[in-house]
Protein backbone atom coordinates (compact mmCIF):
# COMPACT_ATOMS: atom_id res chain seq x y z
CA MET A 1 78.97 69.83 75.12
CA ALA A 2 80.82 73.16 74.87
CA LYS A 3 80.38 75.86 77.49
CA ASP A 4 78.12 78.74 76.61
CA GLU A 5 80.22 81.69 77.81
CA THR A 6 77.05 83.67 78.56
CA LYS A 7 75.97 81.11 81.15
CA LYS A 8 77.29 80.64 84.67
CA ARG A 9 78.77 77.24 85.41
CA VAL A 10 77.07 75.04 88.00
CA PHE A 11 78.45 71.98 89.76
CA SER A 12 76.80 69.57 92.16
CA GLY A 13 76.96 65.88 93.03
CA ILE A 14 74.99 63.02 94.50
CA GLN A 15 76.24 59.91 96.27
CA PRO A 16 75.56 56.49 94.69
CA SER A 17 73.46 55.04 97.47
CA GLY A 18 71.57 52.85 94.98
CA ILE A 19 68.22 54.36 95.95
CA VAL A 20 67.37 57.96 95.09
CA HIS A 21 64.54 59.18 97.33
CA ILE A 22 62.18 62.13 97.36
CA GLY A 23 64.46 63.97 99.78
CA ASN A 24 67.19 63.89 97.10
CA TYR A 25 64.68 65.05 94.51
CA LEU A 26 63.12 67.95 96.42
CA GLY A 27 66.37 69.01 98.07
CA ALA A 28 68.62 68.79 95.01
CA ILE A 29 67.61 67.17 91.73
CA ARG A 30 64.55 69.27 90.94
CA ASN A 31 66.58 72.39 91.65
CA TRP A 32 69.22 71.09 89.21
CA VAL A 33 66.61 70.48 86.51
CA GLY A 34 65.37 74.04 86.93
CA MET A 35 68.85 75.38 86.15
CA LEU A 36 69.42 73.52 82.87
CA GLN A 37 68.26 76.32 80.59
CA GLU A 38 69.99 79.24 82.31
CA CYS A 39 73.32 77.65 83.33
CA ASP A 40 76.17 75.45 82.10
CA CYS A 41 75.45 72.51 84.40
CA ILE A 42 77.84 69.74 85.44
CA PHE A 43 76.42 67.02 87.67
CA CYS A 44 78.39 64.18 89.17
CA VAL A 45 77.86 60.81 90.86
CA VAL A 46 80.37 61.17 93.71
CA ASP A 47 81.55 57.61 94.23
CA LEU A 48 84.74 58.70 96.04
CA HIS A 49 82.66 60.44 98.70
CA ALA A 50 80.66 57.24 99.18
CA MET A 51 83.80 55.44 100.36
CA THR A 52 83.86 57.34 103.67
CA VAL A 53 81.30 54.93 105.16
CA GLN A 54 81.12 51.16 104.98
CA TYR A 55 79.81 49.93 101.63
CA ASP A 56 79.73 46.82 99.43
CA PRO A 57 82.45 47.15 96.74
CA GLU A 58 80.73 44.53 94.58
CA ARG A 59 77.65 46.75 94.32
CA MET A 60 79.41 50.07 93.79
CA GLN A 61 79.21 50.05 89.98
CA GLU A 62 75.59 48.91 90.05
CA ASN A 63 74.74 51.74 92.46
CA VAL A 64 76.61 54.29 90.33
CA ARG A 65 74.68 53.32 87.19
CA GLU A 66 71.38 53.23 89.05
CA THR A 67 71.92 56.67 90.55
CA LEU A 68 72.88 58.16 87.19
CA THR A 69 69.90 56.53 85.45
CA VAL A 70 67.39 57.74 88.04
CA ASN A 71 68.78 61.29 87.80
CA MET A 72 68.36 61.19 84.02
CA ALA A 73 64.81 59.92 84.46
CA ALA A 74 64.13 62.76 86.91
CA GLY A 75 64.90 65.32 84.22
CA LEU A 76 68.68 65.71 83.89
CA ASP A 77 68.72 65.58 80.11
CA PRO A 78 72.24 64.69 78.87
CA GLU A 79 71.61 66.99 75.89
CA LYS A 80 71.29 69.94 78.28
CA CYS A 81 73.91 69.14 80.96
CA THR A 82 77.07 67.15 81.57
CA LEU A 83 76.74 63.97 83.64
CA PHE A 84 79.73 61.94 84.80
CA VAL A 85 81.22 59.78 87.56
CA GLN A 86 83.69 61.41 89.94
CA SER A 87 86.36 58.67 89.92
CA HIS A 88 86.49 58.76 86.10
CA VAL A 89 88.33 62.10 86.38
CA PRO A 90 91.52 61.56 88.45
CA GLU A 91 92.20 65.28 88.73
CA HIS A 92 89.63 65.40 91.54
CA THR A 93 92.04 63.62 93.86
CA GLU A 94 95.08 65.56 92.62
CA LEU A 95 93.45 68.91 93.39
CA THR A 96 92.20 67.56 96.72
CA TRP A 97 95.79 66.98 97.88
CA ILE A 98 96.84 70.48 96.87
CA LEU A 99 93.82 72.02 98.64
CA ASN A 100 94.72 70.02 101.76
CA THR A 101 97.60 72.47 102.13
CA CYS A 102 95.18 75.40 102.00
CA ALA A 103 92.66 73.99 104.49
CA SER A 104 92.53 74.64 108.21
CA HIS A 105 92.34 71.73 110.65
CA ALA A 106 90.30 73.93 112.98
CA ASP A 107 87.74 74.63 110.25
CA LEU A 108 87.42 70.92 109.47
CA ALA A 109 86.98 70.09 113.14
CA ARG A 110 83.95 72.40 113.29
CA MET A 111 82.05 70.53 110.56
CA THR A 112 78.75 69.35 112.04
CA GLN A 113 78.34 66.57 109.46
CA PHE A 114 81.63 65.01 110.60
CA LYS A 115 80.37 65.02 114.18
CA ASP A 116 77.01 63.54 113.18
CA LYS A 117 78.49 60.84 110.94
CA SER A 118 81.11 59.97 113.55
CA ARG A 119 78.37 59.30 116.07
CA ARG A 120 76.62 57.00 113.59
CA ASN A 121 79.83 55.27 112.42
CA ARG A 122 81.81 54.89 115.63
CA GLU A 123 83.70 51.85 114.32
CA ASN A 124 84.74 53.58 111.10
CA ILE A 125 85.74 57.16 111.90
CA ASN A 126 88.25 57.38 109.07
CA CYS A 127 90.32 60.31 107.83
CA GLY A 128 88.20 60.52 104.68
CA LEU A 129 85.17 61.28 106.82
CA PHE A 130 87.12 64.16 108.36
CA THR A 131 88.57 65.57 105.11
CA TYR A 132 85.39 65.03 103.07
CA PRO A 133 84.84 68.83 102.71
CA ILE A 134 88.25 69.24 101.02
CA LEU A 135 87.29 66.73 98.31
CA MET A 136 83.97 68.56 97.95
CA ALA A 137 85.85 71.84 97.53
CA ALA A 138 88.05 70.23 94.87
CA ASP A 139 84.96 68.93 93.05
CA ILE A 140 83.63 72.48 92.77
CA LEU A 141 86.82 74.41 92.11
CA LEU A 142 88.15 71.95 89.53
CA TYR A 143 85.45 73.14 87.11
CA ARG A 144 85.61 76.76 88.25
CA ALA A 145 81.94 76.53 89.17
CA GLU A 146 80.27 79.84 90.00
CA LEU A 147 77.06 78.44 91.46
CA VAL A 148 76.49 75.39 93.68
CA PRO A 149 72.91 74.26 94.36
CA VAL A 150 72.85 73.16 97.99
CA GLY A 151 70.48 72.10 100.72
CA GLU A 152 70.53 73.30 104.29
CA ASP A 153 72.85 70.48 105.38
CA GLN A 154 75.57 71.44 102.85
CA THR A 155 75.83 75.17 103.49
CA GLN A 156 78.66 74.74 106.00
CA HIS A 157 80.65 72.64 103.54
CA LEU A 158 80.17 75.21 100.79
CA GLU A 159 81.32 78.02 103.05
CA PHE A 160 84.41 75.91 103.80
CA ALA A 161 85.00 75.56 100.03
CA ARG A 162 84.71 79.31 99.66
CA GLU A 163 87.31 79.81 102.41
CA VAL A 164 89.71 77.32 100.76
CA CYS A 165 89.16 79.15 97.46
CA ARG A 166 90.07 82.49 99.07
CA THR A 167 93.18 81.00 100.68
CA PHE A 168 94.43 79.51 97.41
CA ASN A 169 93.78 82.70 95.45
CA SER A 170 95.51 84.80 98.11
CA ARG A 171 98.54 82.52 98.25
CA TYR A 172 99.05 81.71 94.57
CA GLY A 173 97.17 84.39 92.66
CA GLU A 174 93.60 84.67 91.36
CA THR A 175 92.70 81.24 89.99
CA PHE A 176 89.22 80.15 91.04
CA PRO A 177 85.92 82.07 91.13
CA GLU A 178 84.39 82.01 94.59
CA PRO A 179 81.37 79.69 94.34
CA LYS A 180 78.02 80.96 95.54
CA PRO A 181 75.08 78.90 96.85
CA ARG A 182 71.78 78.43 95.03
CA PHE A 183 68.92 77.30 97.26
CA GLY A 184 65.83 75.45 96.10
CA LYS A 185 62.24 75.70 97.31
CA VAL A 186 62.68 72.80 99.74
CA THR A 187 66.17 72.68 101.28
CA ARG A 188 65.62 70.00 103.92
CA LEU A 189 63.10 67.16 104.11
CA MET A 190 62.64 65.10 107.23
CA GLY A 191 62.21 61.35 106.97
CA LEU A 192 58.93 59.47 107.28
CA ASP A 193 59.63 59.01 111.00
CA GLY A 194 59.83 62.78 111.49
CA LYS A 195 63.01 62.41 113.58
CA ALA A 196 65.88 62.97 111.15
CA LYS A 197 66.63 64.08 107.61
CA MET A 198 65.32 61.63 105.00
CA SER A 199 68.10 59.11 104.39
CA LYS A 200 68.60 55.59 103.11
CA SER A 201 70.98 54.86 105.99
CA MET A 202 68.29 55.90 108.48
CA ASN A 203 65.67 53.76 106.68
CA ASN A 204 63.15 56.61 106.79
CA TYR A 205 62.86 57.34 103.07
CA LEU A 206 60.38 57.14 100.22
CA PRO A 207 62.00 56.03 96.91
CA LEU A 208 61.69 58.56 94.11
CA LEU A 209 60.43 55.95 91.65
CA ALA A 210 58.07 54.18 94.05
CA GLU A 211 54.93 52.75 92.46
CA PRO A 212 51.54 54.28 93.43
CA ASP A 213 50.62 51.51 95.88
CA GLU A 214 54.05 51.74 97.52
CA ILE A 215 53.70 55.51 97.94
CA VAL A 216 50.38 55.06 99.73
CA SER A 217 51.78 52.25 101.87
CA LEU A 218 54.84 54.23 102.97
CA LEU A 219 52.92 57.45 103.65
CA ARG A 220 50.26 55.70 105.74
CA PRO A 221 52.37 55.39 108.95
CA ALA A 222 54.40 58.58 108.32
CA VAL A 223 54.56 60.92 111.32
CA THR A 224 52.37 64.04 111.17
CA ASP A 225 51.58 66.92 113.55
CA PRO A 226 51.82 65.41 117.09
CA ALA A 227 48.90 67.60 118.22
CA ARG A 228 46.51 65.76 115.90
CA VAL A 229 45.90 62.65 117.96
CA LYS A 230 42.27 62.47 116.83
CA ARG A 231 40.73 63.63 113.57
CA SER A 232 38.85 66.38 115.42
CA ASP A 233 42.07 67.87 116.84
CA PRO A 234 43.23 71.04 115.04
CA GLY A 235 46.89 71.24 114.06
CA THR A 236 49.68 73.46 112.84
CA PRO A 237 50.65 72.57 109.26
CA GLU A 238 54.04 74.32 109.43
CA ILE A 239 55.35 71.71 111.89
CA CYS A 240 53.94 68.74 109.99
CA ASN A 241 56.33 66.84 107.72
CA ILE A 242 53.49 65.87 105.39
CA HIS A 243 52.88 69.59 104.86
CA THR A 244 56.53 69.97 103.79
CA MET A 245 56.02 67.20 101.22
CA HIS A 246 52.88 68.96 99.99
CA LEU A 247 55.02 72.07 99.44
CA GLY A 248 57.13 69.98 97.10
CA PHE A 249 54.40 68.23 95.13
CA SER A 250 51.03 69.94 95.51
CA PRO A 251 49.54 72.89 93.57
CA PRO A 252 48.49 76.08 95.44
CA GLU A 253 44.83 75.10 95.66
CA ASP A 254 45.69 71.81 97.33
CA MET A 255 48.09 73.59 99.68
CA ALA A 256 45.31 75.94 100.74
CA TRP A 257 42.95 72.97 101.25
CA CYS A 258 45.58 71.15 103.29
CA GLU A 259 46.48 74.10 105.50
CA GLN A 260 42.89 75.20 106.17
CA GLY A 261 41.75 71.65 106.83
CA CYS A 262 44.59 71.03 109.26
CA ARG A 263 44.05 74.23 111.26
CA THR A 264 40.29 73.71 111.59
CA ALA A 265 40.32 69.90 111.78
CA GLY A 266 38.19 69.94 108.64
CA ILE A 267 40.22 67.08 107.17
CA GLY A 268 42.06 64.18 108.73
CA CYS A 269 45.68 63.16 108.23
CA VAL A 270 44.57 60.17 106.15
CA GLU A 271 42.82 62.48 103.65
CA CYS A 272 45.83 64.79 103.60
CA LYS A 273 48.18 61.88 102.85
CA LYS A 274 45.87 60.55 100.14
CA ARG A 275 45.89 63.91 98.34
CA LEU A 276 49.68 64.06 98.67
CA ALA A 277 50.05 60.54 97.24
CA ASP A 278 47.89 61.48 94.23
CA ASN A 279 49.96 64.60 93.53
CA MET A 280 53.24 62.74 93.98
CA ASN A 281 52.19 60.02 91.59
CA GLU A 282 51.19 62.57 88.95
CA GLU A 283 54.71 64.06 88.99
CA LEU A 284 56.60 60.77 89.35
CA LYS A 285 54.74 58.75 86.72
CA PRO A 286 56.64 60.19 83.70
CA MET A 287 59.91 59.64 85.57
CA ARG A 288 59.14 55.95 86.00
CA GLU A 289 58.39 55.72 82.29
CA ARG A 290 61.68 57.39 81.32
CA TYR A 291 63.56 55.19 83.76
CA ASN A 292 62.18 52.03 82.20
CA GLN A 293 63.23 53.28 78.76
CA TYR A 294 66.78 53.96 79.94
CA LYS A 295 67.04 50.55 81.64
CA LYS A 296 66.25 48.93 78.30
CA ASN A 297 69.12 50.83 76.67
CA PRO A 298 72.25 50.36 78.84
CA GLY A 299 74.48 51.32 75.92
CA TYR A 300 73.02 54.81 75.94
CA VAL A 301 73.69 55.17 79.69
CA ASN A 302 77.29 54.06 79.07
CA SER A 303 77.71 56.67 76.34
CA VAL A 304 76.38 59.40 78.65
CA MET A 305 78.98 58.49 81.30
CA GLU A 306 81.78 58.28 78.75
CA ASP A 307 80.92 61.56 77.04
CA GLY A 308 80.57 63.32 80.39
CA ALA A 309 83.91 62.02 81.66
CA LYS A 310 85.63 63.05 78.41
CA ARG A 311 84.40 66.64 78.66
CA CYS A 312 85.19 66.86 82.37
CA ARG A 313 88.69 65.45 81.96
CA GLU A 314 89.39 68.17 79.39
CA LEU A 315 88.09 70.88 81.73
CA ALA A 316 89.91 69.39 84.71
CA GLU A 317 93.24 69.11 82.90
CA GLU A 318 92.96 72.74 81.80
CA THR A 319 92.43 73.79 85.43
CA MET A 320 95.25 71.60 86.73
CA ARG A 321 97.77 72.97 84.21
CA THR A 322 97.15 76.39 85.73
CA VAL A 323 97.23 75.07 89.31
CA ARG A 324 100.47 73.14 88.79
CA LYS A 325 102.15 76.16 87.25
CA LYS A 326 101.01 78.54 89.98
CA THR A 327 102.02 76.18 92.80
CA GLY A 328 105.43 75.55 91.28
CA LEU A 329 104.87 71.87 90.52
CA ARG A 330 105.61 72.27 86.81
């Protein structure tokens, strides 16, 4: 898929956790789908990033394929974007090493995600966890991406990438465009427990391709506005996590119904969750159908990965020829 020179290039990635959830969809994937027509989009399953925490090596390839397939089902049409797996393009790690020499230890030490993940992985605080943002910067700069769709939790990492970009350009000459963020409608979704960002590792997620009965079952105990202990208690929709999910899946008329009913106690949380489940299922149903079609055709999924890696290796090698020359390596 050749680059349309009239379109800005976009890069973003998703870790192969094996389960893509609605937090991934609202915070990233749907934003990606909305950029397919206007931009030259490159999307990546970042398996190298996934190695920074403990994982099962025997399931890595299964998780990579599953993540790619679900993203395709969610609307990332391979005819309209490039999809590939990070480790299939070795230039990612080559550029990472070079950017290590342009990165500040002090800047890395300020990364809040490193602090958070270190608290949750005290027995595996590895160097990769610390230098993760440098690999992320290499992912972006390798393709000279101009736009990076990000959620609230990734803005600090993107600003770090922008700083590394400026340092390299200042030291070796103008090479990379400085990537800019693109924010979606929903940038951060709390988990069903209402305590932390939706995450598989926190076990507070709702799978993107959940069946209708499973959606209802998982939403039933989900935390809502703490002020609404009884149905007759009025609430504040803006602090309710179910309201945030409505923002992602419900039409304006349902949003108005939800907000008015919450403030006046005209509806209960059960009714609100039922309406949300109906709206979610309406949007997710065609995704489940596409997913089942892709699962029946593994050869097609393989060809998507191979074609994506081929294009990205060509782009990456072009970038690295310039980088090697400017840094004096060749």
